[in-house]
PDB file of all heavy atoms in Angstrom:
ATOM      1  N   SER A   1    -111.497 239.136  67.490  1.00  0.00           N
ATOM      2  CA  SER A   1    -110.496 239.842  66.731  1.00  0.00           C
ATOM      3  C   SER A   1    -110.826 239.883  65.289  1.00  0.00           C
ATOM      4  O   SER A   1    -111.588 239.077  64.771  1.00  0.00           O
ATOM      5  CB  SER A   1    -109.141 239.100  66.920  1.00  0.00           C
ATOM      6  OG  SER A   1    -109.165 237.835  66.291  1.00  0.00           O
ATOM      7  N   VAL A   2    -110.186 240.816  64.636  1.00  0.00           N
ATOM      8  CA  VAL A   2    -110.530 241.022  63.196  1.00  0.00           C
ATOM      9  C   VAL A   2    -109.197 241.529  62.455  1.00  0.00           C
ATOM     10  O   VAL A   2    -108.380 242.202  62.974  1.00  0.00           O
ATOM     11  CB  VAL A   2    -111.616 242.107  62.913  1.00  0.00           C
ATOM     12  CG1 VAL A   2    -111.374 243.363  63.591  1.00  0.00           C
ATOM     13  CG2 VAL A   2    -111.783 242.342  61.361  1.00  0.00           C
ATOM     14  N   ILE A   3    -108.911 240.927  61.237  1.00  0.00           N
ATOM     15  CA  ILE A   3    -107.728 241.291  60.472  1.00  0.00           C
ATOM     16  C   ILE A   3    -108.323 241.659  59.017  1.00  0.00           C
ATOM     17  O   ILE A   3    -108.939 240.690  58.358  1.00  0.00           O
ATOM     18  CB  ILE A   3    -106.735 240.226  60.385  1.00  0.00           C
ATOM     19  CG1 ILE A   3    -106.148 239.970  61.705  1.00  0.00           C
ATOM     20  CG2 ILE A   3    -105.713 240.492  59.408  1.00  0.00           C
ATOM     21  CD1 ILE A   3    -105.268 238.801  61.841  1.00  0.00           C
ATOM     22  N   TYR A   4    -108.153 242.832  58.589  1.00  0.00           N
ATOM     23  CA  TYR A   4    -108.750 243.232  57.301  1.00  0.00           C
ATOM     24  C   TYR A   4    -107.668 243.499  56.334  1.00  0.00           C
ATOM     25  O   TYR A   4    -106.693 244.362  56.559  1.00  0.00           O
ATOM     26  CB  TYR A   4    -109.626 244.537  57.440  1.00  0.00           C
ATOM     27  CG  TYR A   4    -110.292 245.022  56.198  1.00  0.00           C
ATOM     28  CD1 TYR A   4    -110.778 244.117  55.197  1.00  0.00           C
ATOM     29  CD2 TYR A   4    -110.140 246.397  55.917  1.00  0.00           C
ATOM     30  CE1 TYR A   4    -111.337 244.687  53.995  1.00  0.00           C
ATOM     31  CE2 TYR A   4    -110.728 246.881  54.753  1.00  0.00           C
ATOM     32  CZ  TYR A   4    -111.235 246.049  53.791  1.00  0.00           C
ATOM     33  OH  TYR A   4    -111.749 246.559  52.629  1.00  0.00           O
ATOM     34  N   ASP A   5    -107.698 242.904  55.143  1.00  0.00           N
ATOM     35  CA  ASP A   5    -106.858 243.004  54.033  1.00  0.00           C
ATOM     36  C   ASP A   5    -107.524 243.778  52.934  1.00  0.00           C
ATOM     37  O   ASP A   5    -108.248 243.184  52.115  1.00  0.00           O
ATOM     38  CB  ASP A   5    -106.299 241.614  53.602  1.00  0.00           C
ATOM     39  CG  ASP A   5    -105.350 241.735  52.373  1.00  0.00           C
ATOM     40  OD1 ASP A   5    -105.049 242.910  51.897  1.00  0.00           O
ATOM     41  OD2 ASP A   5    -104.876 240.674  51.840  1.00  0.00           O
ATOM     42  N   PRO A   6    -107.404 245.140  52.874  1.00  0.00           N
ATOM     43  CA  PRO A   6    -108.059 245.902  51.911  1.00  0.00           C
ATOM     44  C   PRO A   6    -107.821 245.479  50.494  1.00  0.00           C
ATOM     45  O   PRO A   6    -108.691 245.532  49.578  1.00  0.00           O
ATOM     46  CB  PRO A   6    -107.776 247.332  52.253  1.00  0.00           C
ATOM     47  CG  PRO A   6    -107.233 247.316  53.673  1.00  0.00           C
ATOM     48  CD  PRO A   6    -106.532 246.037  53.713  1.00  0.00           C
ATOM     49  N   LEU A   7    -106.527 245.156  50.095  1.00  0.00           N
ATOM     50  CA  LEU A   7    -106.215 244.842  48.731  1.00  0.00           C
ATOM     51  C   LEU A   7    -106.920 243.632  48.240  1.00  0.00           C
ATOM     52  O   LEU A   7    -107.369 243.643  47.084  1.00  0.00           O
ATOM     53  CB  LEU A   7    -104.701 244.691  48.719  1.00  0.00           C
ATOM     54  CG  LEU A   7    -103.785 245.983  48.569  1.00  0.00           C
ATOM     55  CD1 LEU A   7    -102.326 245.654  48.769  1.00  0.00           C
ATOM     56  CD2 LEU A   7    -104.116 246.733  47.356  1.00  0.00           C
ATOM     57  N   ALA A   8    -107.046 242.712  49.057  1.00  0.00           N
ATOM     58  CA  ALA A   8    -107.870 241.516  48.683  1.00  0.00           C
ATOM     59  C   ALA A   8    -109.282 241.446  49.024  1.00  0.00           C
ATOM     60  O   ALA A   8    -110.010 240.588  48.690  1.00  0.00           O
ATOM     61  CB  ALA A   8    -107.129 240.221  49.370  1.00  0.00           C
ATOM     62  N   ASN A   9    -109.693 242.548  49.748  1.00  0.00           N
ATOM     63  CA  ASN A   9    -111.070 242.535  50.141  1.00  0.00           C
ATOM     64  C   ASN A   9    -111.503 241.387  51.014  1.00  0.00           C
ATOM     65  O   ASN A   9    -112.506 240.856  50.913  1.00  0.00           O
ATOM     66  CB  ASN A   9    -112.141 242.831  49.040  1.00  0.00           C
ATOM     67  CG  ASN A   9    -113.587 243.223  49.500  1.00  0.00           C
ATOM     68  OD1 ASN A   9    -113.631 243.796  50.638  1.00  0.00           O
ATOM     69  ND2 ASN A   9    -114.494 242.756  48.826  1.00  0.00           N
ATOM     70  N   GLU A  10    -110.613 241.043  51.938  1.00  0.00           N
ATOM     71  CA  GLU A  10    -110.769 239.811  52.779  1.00  0.00           C
ATOM     72  C   GLU A  10    -110.759 240.285  54.258  1.00  0.00           C
ATOM     73  O   GLU A  10    -109.804 240.911  54.693  1.00  0.00           O
ATOM     74  CB  GLU A  10    -109.756 238.779  52.642  1.00  0.00           C
ATOM     75  CG  GLU A  10    -109.887 238.183  51.247  1.00  0.00           C
ATOM     76  CD  GLU A  10    -108.847 237.055  50.940  1.00  0.00           C
ATOM     77  OE1 GLU A  10    -107.799 237.020  51.529  1.00  0.00           O
ATOM     78  OE2 GLU A  10    -109.131 236.155  50.140  1.00  0.00           O
ATOM     79  N   MET A  11    -111.906 239.980  54.962  1.00  0.00           N
ATOM     80  CA  MET A  11    -112.031 240.158  56.353  1.00  0.00           C
ATOM     81  C   MET A  11    -112.027 239.082  57.176  1.00  0.00           C
ATOM     82  O   MET A  11    -112.978 238.232  57.103  1.00  0.00           O
ATOM     83  CB  MET A  11    -113.394 241.046  56.477  1.00  0.00           C
ATOM     84  CG  MET A  11    -113.633 241.542  58.003  1.00  0.00           C
ATOM     85  SD  MET A  11    -112.829 243.064  58.449  1.00  0.00           S
ATOM     86  CE  MET A  11    -113.851 244.233  57.466  1.00  0.00           C
ATOM     87  N   PHE A  12    -110.915 238.805  57.890  1.00  0.00           N
ATOM     88  CA  PHE A  12    -110.826 237.539  58.695  1.00  0.00           C
ATOM     89  C   PHE A  12    -111.234 237.937  60.157  1.00  0.00           C
ATOM     90  O   PHE A  12    -110.868 238.994  60.653  1.00  0.00           O
ATOM     91  CB  PHE A  12    -109.420 237.088  58.730  1.00  0.00           C
ATOM     92  CG  PHE A  12    -108.785 236.655  57.459  1.00  0.00           C
ATOM     93  CD1 PHE A  12    -108.300 237.495  56.614  1.00  0.00           C
ATOM     94  CD2 PHE A  12    -108.995 235.380  57.030  1.00  0.00           C
ATOM     95  CE1 PHE A  12    -107.740 237.176  55.291  1.00  0.00           C
ATOM     96  CE2 PHE A  12    -108.447 234.960  55.733  1.00  0.00           C
ATOM     97  CZ  PHE A  12    -107.838 235.878  54.955  1.00  0.00           C
ATOM     98  N   TRP A  13    -112.140 237.081  60.759  1.00  0.00           N
ATOM     99  CA  TRP A  13    -112.505 237.587  62.187  1.00  0.00           C
ATOM    100  C   TRP A  13    -112.961 236.295  62.927  1.00  0.00           C
ATOM    101  O   TRP A  13    -113.149 235.239  62.336  1.00  0.00           O
ATOM    102  CB  TRP A  13    -113.734 238.503  62.036  1.00  0.00           C
ATOM    103  CG  TRP A  13    -114.851 238.112  61.290  1.00  0.00           C
ATOM    104  CD1 TRP A  13    -115.144 238.175  59.911  1.00  0.00           C
ATOM    105  CD2 TRP A  13    -116.164 237.581  61.882  1.00  0.00           C
ATOM    106  NE1 TRP A  13    -116.385 237.635  59.675  1.00  0.00           N
ATOM    107  CE2 TRP A  13    -116.939 237.312  60.763  1.00  0.00           C
ATOM    108  CE3 TRP A  13    -116.448 237.209  63.093  1.00  0.00           C
ATOM    109  CZ2 TRP A  13    -118.288 236.685  61.041  1.00  0.00           C
ATOM    110  CZ3 TRP A  13    -117.822 236.709  63.307  1.00  0.00           C
ATOM    111  CH2 TRP A  13    -118.684 236.456  62.191  1.00  0.00           C
ATOM    112  N   ALA A  14    -113.005 236.426  64.167  1.00  0.00           N
ATOM    113  CA  ALA A  14    -113.390 235.324  65.133  1.00  0.00           C
ATOM    114  C   ALA A  14    -113.830 235.860  66.404  1.00  0.00           C
ATOM    115  O   ALA A  14    -113.369 236.855  66.925  1.00  0.00           O
ATOM    116  CB  ALA A  14    -112.100 234.331  65.276  1.00  0.00           C
ATOM    117  N   LYS A  15    -114.677 235.020  67.017  1.00  0.00           N
ATOM    118  CA  LYS A  15    -115.014 235.323  68.404  1.00  0.00           C
ATOM    119  C   LYS A  15    -114.791 233.979  69.217  1.00  0.00           C
ATOM    120  O   LYS A  15    -115.045 232.986  68.660  1.00  0.00           O
ATOM    121  CB  LYS A  15    -116.655 235.712  68.507  1.00  0.00           C
ATOM    122  CG  LYS A  15    -116.950 236.018  69.825  1.00  0.00           C
ATOM    123  CD  LYS A  15    -118.456 236.435  70.044  1.00  0.00           C
ATOM    124  CE  LYS A  15    -118.787 236.862  71.418  1.00  0.00           C
ATOM    125  NZ  LYS A  15    -120.251 237.125  71.641  1.00  0.00           N
ATOM    126  N   ASP A  16    -114.273 234.225  70.349  1.00  0.00           N
ATOM    127  CA  ASP A  16    -113.911 233.087  71.239  1.00  0.00           C
ATOM    128  C   ASP A  16    -115.038 232.068  71.366  1.00  0.00           C
ATOM    129  O   ASP A  16    -116.238 232.423  71.809  1.00  0.00           O
ATOM    130  CB  ASP A  16    -113.444 233.582  72.574  1.00  0.00           C
ATOM    131  CG  ASP A  16    -112.836 232.490  73.357  1.00  0.00           C
ATOM    132  OD1 ASP A  16    -112.255 231.567  72.825  1.00  0.00           O
ATOM    133  OD2 ASP A  16    -113.074 232.482  74.611  1.00  0.00           O
ATOM    134  N   GLY A  17    -114.833 230.846  70.876  1.00  0.00           N
ATOM    135  CA  GLY A  17    -115.743 229.776  71.083  1.00  0.00           C
ATOM    136  C   GLY A  17    -116.920 229.750  69.927  1.00  0.00           C
ATOM    137  O   GLY A  17    -117.777 228.863  70.038  1.00  0.00           O
ATOM    138  N   GLU A  18    -116.807 230.551  68.929  1.00  0.00           N
ATOM    139  CA  GLU A  18    -117.825 230.720  68.004  1.00  0.00           C
ATOM    140  C   GLU A  18    -117.314 230.543  66.578  1.00  0.00           C
ATOM    141  O   GLU A  18    -118.052 230.768  65.591  1.00  0.00           O
ATOM    142  CB  GLU A  18    -118.601 231.987  68.105  1.00  0.00           C
ATOM    143  CG  GLU A  18    -119.292 232.050  69.533  1.00  0.00           C
ATOM    144  CD  GLU A  18    -120.269 233.285  69.624  1.00  0.00           C
ATOM    145  OE1 GLU A  18    -120.549 233.942  68.623  1.00  0.00           O
ATOM    146  OE2 GLU A  18    -120.531 233.562  70.779  1.00  0.00           O
ATOM    147  N   GLY A  19    -116.019 230.148  66.356  1.00  0.00           N
ATOM    148  CA  GLY A  19    -115.567 229.813  65.056  1.00  0.00           C
ATOM    149  C   GLY A  19    -114.877 231.083  64.411  1.00  0.00           C
ATOM    150  O   GLY A  19    -114.815 232.183  64.962  1.00  0.00           O
ATOM    151  N   ALA A  20    -114.208 230.832  63.302  1.00  0.00           N
ATOM    152  CA  ALA A  20    -113.455 231.842  62.545  1.00  0.00           C
ATOM    153  C   ALA A  20    -113.942 231.926  61.124  1.00  0.00           C
ATOM    154  O   ALA A  20    -114.563 230.912  60.588  1.00  0.00           O
ATOM    155  CB  ALA A  20    -111.973 231.383  62.524  1.00  0.00           C
ATOM    156  N   PHE A  21    -113.968 233.068  60.452  1.00  0.00           N
ATOM    157  CA  PHE A  21    -114.629 233.427  59.237  1.00  0.00           C
ATOM    158  C   PHE A  21    -113.800 234.338  58.492  1.00  0.00           C
ATOM    159  O   PHE A  21    -113.005 235.117  58.943  1.00  0.00           O
ATOM    160  CB  PHE A  21    -115.966 234.072  59.479  1.00  0.00           C
ATOM    161  CG  PHE A  21    -116.876 233.256  60.222  1.00  0.00           C
ATOM    162  CD1 PHE A  21    -116.859 233.262  61.688  1.00  0.00           C
ATOM    163  CD2 PHE A  21    -117.789 232.331  59.655  1.00  0.00           C
ATOM    164  CE1 PHE A  21    -117.722 232.530  62.499  1.00  0.00           C
ATOM    165  CE2 PHE A  21    -118.728 231.560  60.446  1.00  0.00           C
ATOM    166  CZ  PHE A  21    -118.526 231.637  61.808  1.00  0.00           C
ATOM    167  N   MET A  22    -113.852 234.133  57.099  1.00  0.00           N
ATOM    168  CA  MET A  22    -113.326 235.131  56.003  1.00  0.00           C
ATOM    169  C   MET A  22    -114.452 235.672  55.378  1.00  0.00           C
ATOM    170  O   MET A  22    -115.111 234.911  54.670  1.00  0.00           O
ATOM    171  CB  MET A  22    -112.233 234.493  55.261  1.00  0.00           C
ATOM    172  CG  MET A  22    -111.383 235.459  54.386  1.00  0.00           C
ATOM    173  SD  MET A  22    -112.397 235.913  52.802  1.00  0.00           S
ATOM    174  CE  MET A  22    -112.157 234.406  51.942  1.00  0.00           C
ATOM    175  N   ASN A  23    -114.843 236.948  55.494  1.00  0.00           N
ATOM    176  CA  ASN A  23    -116.036 237.560  55.064  1.00  0.00           C
ATOM    177  C   ASN A  23    -117.139 236.672  55.689  1.00  0.00           C
ATOM    178  O   ASN A  23    -117.302 236.724  56.936  1.00  0.00           O
ATOM    179  CB  ASN A  23    -116.026 237.716  53.509  1.00  0.00           C
ATOM    180  CG  ASN A  23    -114.909 238.575  53.127  1.00  0.00           C
ATOM    181  OD1 ASN A  23    -114.444 239.390  53.733  1.00  0.00           O
ATOM    182  ND2 ASN A  23    -114.529 238.461  51.805  1.00  0.00           N
ATOM    183  N   ASP A  24    -117.918 235.980  54.882  1.00  0.00           N
ATOM    184  CA  ASP A  24    -119.015 235.219  55.571  1.00  0.00           C
ATOM    185  C   ASP A  24    -118.742 233.627  55.352  1.00  0.00           C
ATOM    186  O   ASP A  24    -119.654 232.892  55.792  1.00  0.00           O
ATOM    187  CB  ASP A  24    -120.370 235.439  54.629  1.00  0.00           C
ATOM    188  CG  ASP A  24    -120.852 236.846  54.854  1.00  0.00           C
ATOM    189  OD1 ASP A  24    -120.683 237.386  55.951  1.00  0.00           O
ATOM    190  OD2 ASP A  24    -121.307 237.550  53.860  1.00  0.00           O
ATOM    191  N   LYS A  25    -117.559 233.304  55.089  1.00  0.00           N
ATOM    192  CA  LYS A  25    -117.281 231.937  54.926  1.00  0.00           C
ATOM    193  C   LYS A  25    -116.495 231.457  56.147  1.00  0.00           C
ATOM    194  O   LYS A  25    -115.635 231.931  56.634  1.00  0.00           O
ATOM    195  CB  LYS A  25    -116.353 231.777  53.667  1.00  0.00           C
ATOM    196  CG  LYS A  25    -115.803 230.246  53.426  1.00  0.00           C
ATOM    197  CD  LYS A  25    -114.897 230.153  52.403  1.00  0.00           C
ATOM    198  CE  LYS A  25    -114.319 228.689  52.106  1.00  0.00           C
ATOM    199  NZ  LYS A  25    -113.443 228.757  50.944  1.00  0.00           N
ATOM    200  N   GLU A  26    -116.971 230.228  56.754  1.00  0.00           N
ATOM    201  CA  GLU A  26    -116.334 229.687  57.862  1.00  0.00           C
ATOM    202  C   GLU A  26    -114.953 229.202  57.510  1.00  0.00           C
ATOM    203  O   GLU A  26    -114.804 228.484  56.385  1.00  0.00           O
ATOM    204  CB  GLU A  26    -117.171 228.604  58.500  1.00  0.00           C
ATOM    205  CG  GLU A  26    -116.578 228.098  59.863  1.00  0.00           C
ATOM    206  CD  GLU A  26    -117.510 227.219  60.683  1.00  0.00           C
ATOM    207  OE1 GLU A  26    -118.605 226.831  60.066  1.00  0.00           O
ATOM    208  OE2 GLU A  26    -117.119 226.898  61.719  1.00  0.00           O
ATOM    209  N   LEU A  27    -113.932 229.316  58.311  1.00  0.00           N
ATOM    210  CA  LEU A  27    -112.543 228.856  57.954  1.00  0.00           C
ATOM    211  C   LEU A  27    -112.328 227.570  58.697  1.00  0.00           C
ATOM    212  O   LEU A  27    -112.712 227.221  59.744  1.00  0.00           O
ATOM    213  CB  LEU A  27    -111.567 229.907  58.517  1.00  0.00           C
ATOM    214  CG  LEU A  27    -111.707 231.270  57.830  1.00  0.00           C
ATOM    215  CD1 LEU A  27    -110.737 232.278  58.544  1.00  0.00           C
ATOM    216  CD2 LEU A  27    -111.421 231.205  56.337  1.00  0.00           C
ATOM    217  N   LYS A  28    -111.476 226.742  57.889  1.00  0.00           N
ATOM    218  CA  LYS A  28    -110.955 225.518  58.436  1.00  0.00           C
ATOM    219  C   LYS A  28    -109.513 225.332  57.955  1.00  0.00           C
ATOM    220  O   LYS A  28    -109.166 225.731  56.900  1.00  0.00           O
ATOM    221  CB  LYS A  28    -111.791 224.267  57.934  1.00  0.00           C
ATOM    222  CG  LYS A  28    -113.274 224.287  58.455  1.00  0.00           C
ATOM    223  CD  LYS A  28    -113.265 224.040  59.989  1.00  0.00           C
ATOM    224  CE  LYS A  28    -114.688 224.197  60.542  1.00  0.00           C
ATOM    225  NZ  LYS A  28    -114.707 224.039  62.009  1.00  0.00           N
ATOM    226  N   ILE A  29    -108.836 224.770  58.963  1.00  0.00           N
ATOM    227  CA  ILE A  29    -107.291 224.579  58.586  1.00  0.00           C
ATOM    228  C   ILE A  29    -107.095 223.585  57.557  1.00  0.00           C
ATOM    229  O   ILE A  29    -107.951 222.726  57.176  1.00  0.00           O
ATOM    230  CB  ILE A  29    -106.510 224.268  59.766  1.00  0.00           C
ATOM    231  CG1 ILE A  29    -107.119 223.056  60.441  1.00  0.00           C
ATOM    232  CG2 ILE A  29    -106.485 225.509  60.781  1.00  0.00           C
ATOM    233  CD1 ILE A  29    -106.261 222.573  61.620  1.00  0.00           C
ATOM    234  N   SER A  30    -105.818 223.579  56.967  1.00  0.00           N
ATOM    235  CA  SER A  30    -105.447 222.441  56.040  1.00  0.00           C
ATOM    236  C   SER A  30    -105.442 221.132  56.631  1.00  0.00           C
ATOM    237  O   SER A  30    -105.288 220.961  57.900  1.00  0.00           O
ATOM    238  CB  SER A  30    -104.044 222.716  55.454  1.00  0.00           C
ATOM    239  OG  SER A  30    -103.501 221.744  54.854  1.00  0.00           O
ATOM    240  N   ASN A  31    -105.679 220.051  55.804  1.00  0.00           N
ATOM    241  CA  ASN A  31    -105.592 218.773  56.340  1.00  0.00           C
ATOM    242  C   ASN A  31    -104.390 217.822  55.663  1.00  0.00           C
ATOM    243  O   ASN A  31    -104.457 216.655  55.518  1.00  0.00           O
ATOM    244  CB  ASN A  31    -106.916 217.931  56.200  1.00  0.00           C
ATOM    245  CG  ASN A  31    -107.423 217.852  54.729  1.00  0.00           C
ATOM    246  OD1 ASN A  31    -106.670 218.236  53.825  1.00  0.00           O
ATOM    247  ND2 ASN A  31    -108.579 217.420  54.523  1.00  0.00           N
ATOM    248  N   LYS A  32    -103.446 218.644  55.079  1.00  0.00           N
ATOM    249  CA  LYS A  32    -102.217 217.924  54.454  1.00  0.00           C
ATOM    250  C   LYS A  32    -101.547 217.077  55.495  1.00  0.00           C
ATOM    251  O   LYS A  32    -101.480 217.270  56.708  1.00  0.00           O
ATOM    252  CB  LYS A  32    -101.396 218.966  53.898  1.00  0.00           C
ATOM    253  CG  LYS A  32    -101.796 219.732  52.849  1.00  0.00           C
ATOM    254  CD  LYS A  32    -100.847 220.892  52.383  1.00  0.00           C
ATOM    255  CE  LYS A  32    -101.334 221.911  51.520  1.00  0.00           C
ATOM    256  NZ  LYS A  32    -100.314 223.037  51.222  1.00  0.00           N
TER     257      LYS A  32
END
């Protein structure tokens, strides 16, 4: 799946079992 926010130039994407990314940066949830 992919979600593209053109205004922020941010491309969020993921493949099942292979992690999630924003552009080329791997995403991790908050630890609050």
